[in-house]
Amino acid sequence: MKPSRCTIAALAALGVAFYTGCRGRVASAPKTRPPVVEVAPVIQRDVPIYGE
């Protein structure tokens, strides 16, 4: 059984995609500082439940 033209074209396209994807080096993202966060105190209290 012979492979169809569509199968050969798809395999060729995948080969080119893998070849070009593995060839180049990707520049890493610049180092970022962690975000500044605000911490709030916790207050325990009863809150009514309106529905479930």
PDB file of N, CA and C in Angstrom:
ATOM      1  N   MET A   1       0.851  -1.177   0.000  1.00  0.00           N
ATOM      2  CA  MET A   1       0.000   0.000   0.000  1.00  0.00           C
ATOM      3  C   MET A   1       0.901   1.246   0.000  1.00  0.00           C
ATOM      4  N   LYS A   2       0.650   2.179  -0.905  1.00  0.00           N
ATOM      5  CA  LYS A   2       1.422   3.403  -1.041  1.00  0.00           C
ATOM      6  C   LYS A   2       0.839   4.504  -0.168  1.00  0.00           C
ATOM      7  N   PRO A   3       1.706   5.273   0.506  1.00  0.00           N
ATOM      8  CA  PRO A   3       1.177   6.402   1.267  1.00  0.00           C
ATOM      9  C   PRO A   3       0.661   7.484   0.316  1.00  0.00           C
ATOM     10  N   SER A   4      -0.384   8.151   0.728  1.00  0.00           N
ATOM     11  CA  SER A   4      -0.977   9.182  -0.121  1.00  0.00           C
ATOM     12  C   SER A   4      -0.135  10.460  -0.077  1.00  0.00           C
ATOM     13  N   ARG A   5      -0.387  11.348  -1.013  1.00  0.00           N
ATOM     14  CA  ARG A   5       0.335  12.623  -1.071  1.00  0.00           C
ATOM     15  C   ARG A   5       0.068  13.454   0.178  1.00  0.00           C
ATOM     16  N   CYS A   6      -1.142  13.366   0.676  1.00  0.00           N
ATOM     17  CA  CYS A   6      -1.517  14.135   1.865  1.00  0.00           C
ATOM     18  C   CYS A   6      -0.710  13.658   3.078  1.00  0.00           C
ATOM     19  N   THR A   7      -0.517  12.355   3.204  1.00  0.00           N
ATOM     20  CA  THR A   7       0.261  11.799   4.314  1.00  0.00           C
ATOM     21  C   THR A   7       1.714  12.240   4.216  1.00  0.00           C
ATOM     22  N   ILE A   8       2.269  12.192   3.011  1.00  0.00           N
ATOM     23  CA  ILE A   8       3.657  12.602   2.816  1.00  0.00           C
ATOM     24  C   ILE A   8       3.824  14.087   3.112  1.00  0.00           C
ATOM     25  N   ALA A   9       2.872  14.899   2.671  1.00  0.00           N
ATOM     26  CA  ALA A   9       2.936  16.339   2.918  1.00  0.00           C
ATOM     27  C   ALA A   9       2.831  16.638   4.418  1.00  0.00           C
ATOM     28  N   ALA A  10       1.969  15.921   5.127  1.00  0.00           N
ATOM     29  CA  ALA A  10       1.810  16.125   6.567  1.00  0.00           C
ATOM     30  C   ALA A  10       3.087  15.734   7.304  1.00  0.00           C
ATOM     31  N   LEU A  11       3.700  14.624   6.938  1.00  0.00           N
ATOM     32  CA  LEU A  11       4.946  14.198   7.575  1.00  0.00           C
ATOM     33  C   LEU A  11       6.078  15.181   7.286  1.00  0.00           C
ATOM     34  N   ALA A  12       6.125  15.696   6.067  1.00  0.00           N
ATOM     35  CA  ALA A  12       7.150  16.682   5.725  1.00  0.00           C
ATOM     36  C   ALA A  12       6.955  17.961   6.537  1.00  0.00           C
ATOM     37  N   ALA A  13       5.726  18.403   6.685  1.00  0.00           N
ATOM     38  CA  ALA A  13       5.438  19.614   7.463  1.00  0.00           C
ATOM     39  C   ALA A  13       5.807  19.413   8.930  1.00  0.00           C
ATOM     40  N   LEU A  14       5.509  18.251   9.484  1.00  0.00           N
ATOM     41  CA  LEU A  14       5.882  17.969  10.869  1.00  0.00           C
ATOM     42  C   LEU A  14       7.393  17.938  11.035  1.00  0.00           C
ATOM     43  N   GLY A  15       8.081  17.353  10.074  1.00  0.00           N
ATOM     44  CA  GLY A  15       9.537  17.311  10.131  1.00  0.00           C
ATOM     45  C   GLY A  15      10.150  18.695  10.115  1.00  0.00           C
ATOM     46  N   VAL A  16       9.637  19.557   9.251  1.00  0.00           N
ATOM     47  CA  VAL A  16      10.138  20.931   9.184  1.00  0.00           C
ATOM     48  C   VAL A  16       9.842  21.669  10.487  1.00  0.00           C
ATOM     49  N   ALA A  17       8.653  21.469  11.026  1.00  0.00           N
ATOM     50  CA  ALA A  17       8.279  22.146  12.271  1.00  0.00           C
ATOM     51  C   ALA A  17       9.183  21.711  13.417  1.00  0.00           C
ATOM     52  N   PHE A  18       9.447  20.415  13.521  1.00  0.00           N
ATOM     53  CA  PHE A  18      10.326  19.933  14.590  1.00  0.00           C
ATOM     54  C   PHE A  18      11.751  20.417  14.382  1.00  0.00           C
ATOM     55  N   TYR A  19      12.210  20.439  13.157  1.00  0.00           N
ATOM     56  CA  TYR A  19      13.574  20.860  12.865  1.00  0.00           C
ATOM     57  C   TYR A  19      13.782  22.336  13.223  1.00  0.00           C
ATOM     58  N   THR A  20      12.837  23.184  12.835  1.00  0.00           N
ATOM     59  CA  THR A  20      12.986  24.603  13.124  1.00  0.00           C
ATOM     60  C   THR A  20      12.725  24.898  14.596  1.00  0.00           C
ATOM     61  N   GLY A  21      11.887  24.120  15.233  1.00  0.00           N
ATOM     62  CA  GLY A  21      11.597  24.337  16.649  1.00  0.00           C
ATOM     63  C   GLY A  21      12.759  23.969  17.537  1.00  0.00           C
ATOM     64  N   CYS A  22      13.506  22.961  17.194  1.00  0.00           N
ATOM     65  CA  CYS A  22      14.619  22.505  18.021  1.00  0.00           C
ATOM     66  C   CYS A  22      15.915  23.259  17.715  1.00  0.00           C
ATOM     67  N   ARG A  23      15.974  23.946  16.605  1.00  0.00           N
ATOM     68  CA  ARG A  23      17.201  24.593  16.170  1.00  0.00           C
ATOM     69  C   ARG A  23      17.525  25.845  16.963  1.00  0.00           C
ATOM     70  N   GLY A  24      16.572  26.717  17.103  1.00  0.00           N
ATOM     71  CA  GLY A  24      16.825  28.009  17.730  1.00  0.00           C
ATOM     72  C   GLY A  24      16.744  27.948  19.243  1.00  0.00           C
ATOM     73  N   ARG A  25      17.477  28.846  19.867  1.00  0.00           N
ATOM     74  CA  ARG A  25      17.411  28.956  21.320  1.00  0.00           C
ATOM     75  C   ARG A  25      16.451  30.088  21.661  1.00  0.00           C
ATOM     76  N   VAL A  26      15.651  29.842  22.652  1.00  0.00           N
ATOM     77  CA  VAL A  26      14.685  30.838  23.093  1.00  0.00           C
ATOM     78  C   VAL A  26      15.316  31.636  24.219  1.00  0.00           C
ATOM     79  N   ALA A  27      15.255  32.941  24.117  1.00  0.00           N
ATOM     80  CA  ALA A  27      15.796  33.791  25.172  1.00  0.00           C
ATOM     81  C   ALA A  27      14.913  33.676  26.405  1.00  0.00           C
ATOM     82  N   SER A  28      15.527  33.518  27.555  1.00  0.00           N
ATOM     83  CA  SER A  28      14.740  33.374  28.774  1.00  0.00           C
ATOM     84  C   SER A  28      14.152  34.727  29.177  1.00  0.00           C
ATOM     85  N   ALA A  29      13.071  34.652  29.880  1.00  0.00           N
ATOM     86  CA  ALA A  29      12.403  35.871  30.338  1.00  0.00           C
ATOM     87  C   ALA A  29      13.256  36.540  31.409  1.00  0.00           C
ATOM     88  N   PRO A  30      13.214  37.850  31.489  1.00  0.00           N
ATOM     89  CA  PRO A  30      14.004  38.533  32.513  1.00  0.00           C
ATOM     90  C   PRO A  30      13.497  38.170  33.911  1.00  0.00           C
ATOM     91  N   LYS A  31      14.421  38.167  34.851  1.00  0.00           N
ATOM     92  CA  LYS A  31      14.044  37.840  36.237  1.00  0.00           C
ATOM     93  C   LYS A  31      13.136  38.938  36.777  1.00  0.00           C
ATOM     94  N   THR A  32      12.051  38.518  37.394  1.00  0.00           N
ATOM     95  CA  THR A  32      11.117  39.482  37.978  1.00  0.00           C
ATOM     96  C   THR A  32      11.112  39.310  39.490  1.00  0.00           C
ATOM     97  N   ARG A  33      10.840  40.390  40.171  1.00  0.00           N
ATOM     98  CA  ARG A  33      10.757  40.330  41.625  1.00  0.00           C
ATOM     99  C   ARG A  33       9.382  39.811  42.021  1.00  0.00           C
ATOM    100  N   PRO A  34       9.277  39.173  43.184  1.00  0.00           N
ATOM    101  CA  PRO A  34       7.957  38.733  43.641  1.00  0.00           C
ATOM    102  C   PRO A  34       7.054  39.938  43.892  1.00  0.00           C
ATOM    103  N   PRO A  35       5.758  39.772  43.680  1.00  0.00           N
ATOM    104  CA  PRO A  35       4.848  40.908  43.873  1.00  0.00           C
ATOM    105  C   PRO A  35       4.768  41.303  45.349  1.00  0.00           C
ATOM    106  N   VAL A  36       4.502  42.566  45.580  1.00  0.00           N
ATOM    107  CA  VAL A  36       4.322  43.071  46.938  1.00  0.00           C
ATOM    108  C   VAL A  36       2.885  42.777  47.346  1.00  0.00           C
ATOM    109  N   VAL A  37       2.726  42.137  48.493  1.00  0.00           N
ATOM    110  CA  VAL A  37       1.389  41.772  48.963  1.00  0.00           C
ATOM    111  C   VAL A  37       1.139  42.406  50.322  1.00  0.00           C
ATOM    112  N   GLU A  38      -0.123  42.558  50.640  1.00  0.00           N
ATOM    113  CA  GLU A  38      -0.514  43.110  51.937  1.00  0.00           C
ATOM    114  C   GLU A  38      -1.204  42.010  52.722  1.00  0.00           C
ATOM    115  N   VAL A  39      -0.810  41.838  53.978  1.00  0.00           N
ATOM    116  CA  VAL A  39      -1.390  40.810  54.835  1.00  0.00           C
ATOM    117  C   VAL A  39      -2.364  41.483  55.791  1.00  0.00           C
ATOM    118  N   ALA A  40      -3.583  40.925  55.836  1.00  0.00           N
ATOM    119  CA  ALA A  40      -4.617  41.490  56.708  1.00  0.00           C
ATOM    120  C   ALA A  40      -4.822  40.572  57.910  1.00  0.00           C
ATOM    121  N   PRO A  41      -5.170  41.128  59.064  1.00  0.00           N
ATOM    122  CA  PRO A  41      -5.435  40.287  60.234  1.00  0.00           C
ATOM    123  C   PRO A  41      -6.744  39.516  60.058  1.00  0.00           C
ATOM    124  N   VAL A  42      -6.828  38.375  60.715  1.00  0.00           N
ATOM    125  CA  VAL A  42      -8.013  37.513  60.620  1.00  0.00           C
ATOM    126  C   VAL A  42      -8.910  37.782  61.812  1.00  0.00           C
ATOM    127  N   ILE A  43     -10.210  37.934  61.542  1.00  0.00           N
ATOM    128  CA  ILE A  43     -11.202  38.143  62.599  1.00  0.00           C
ATOM    129  C   ILE A  43     -12.231  37.025  62.483  1.00  0.00           C
ATOM    130  N   GLN A  44     -12.399  36.257  63.557  1.00  0.00           N
ATOM    131  CA  GLN A  44     -13.376  35.171  63.543  1.00  0.00           C
ATOM    132  C   GLN A  44     -14.705  35.692  64.058  1.00  0.00           C
ATOM    133  N   ARG A  45     -15.775  35.451  63.276  1.00  0.00           N
ATOM    134  CA  ARG A  45     -17.116  35.866  63.698  1.00  0.00           C
ATOM    135  C   ARG A  45     -18.146  34.995  63.008  1.00  0.00           C
ATOM    136  N   ASP A  46     -19.363  34.980  63.560  1.00  0.00           N
ATOM    137  CA  ASP A  46     -20.456  34.203  62.969  1.00  0.00           C
ATOM    138  C   ASP A  46     -21.111  35.007  61.871  1.00  0.00           C
ATOM    139  N   VAL A  47     -21.340  34.360  60.743  1.00  0.00           N
ATOM    140  CA  VAL A  47     -21.965  35.005  59.603  1.00  0.00           C
ATOM    141  C   VAL A  47     -23.204  34.186  59.246  1.00  0.00           C
ATOM    142  N   PRO A  48     -24.366  34.832  59.096  1.00  0.00           N
ATOM    143  CA  PRO A  48     -25.578  34.069  58.761  1.00  0.00           C
ATOM    144  C   PRO A  48     -25.500  33.480  57.346  1.00  0.00           C
ATOM    145  N   ILE A  49     -26.074  32.267  57.174  1.00  0.00           N
ATOM    146  CA  ILE A  49     -26.152  31.601  55.885  1.00  0.00           C
ATOM    147  C   ILE A  49     -27.522  31.890  55.290  1.00  0.00           C
ATOM    148  N   TYR A  50     -27.559  32.478  54.099  1.00  0.00           N
ATOM    149  CA  TYR A  50     -28.820  32.862  53.467  1.00  0.00           C
ATOM    150  C   TYR A  50     -29.392  31.749  52.590  1.00  0.00           C
ATOM    151  N   GLY A  51     -28.627  30.828  52.116  1.00  0.00           N
ATOM    152  CA  GLY A  51     -29.134  29.759  51.264  1.00  0.00           C
ATOM    153  C   GLY A  51     -28.039  28.764  50.953  1.00  0.00           C
ATOM    154  N   GLU A  52     -28.448  27.584  50.555  1.00  0.00           N
ATOM    155  CA  GLU A  52     -27.480  26.553  50.205  1.00  0.00           C
ATOM    156  C   GLU A  52     -27.665  26.115  48.789  1.00  0.00           C
TER     157      GLU A  52
END
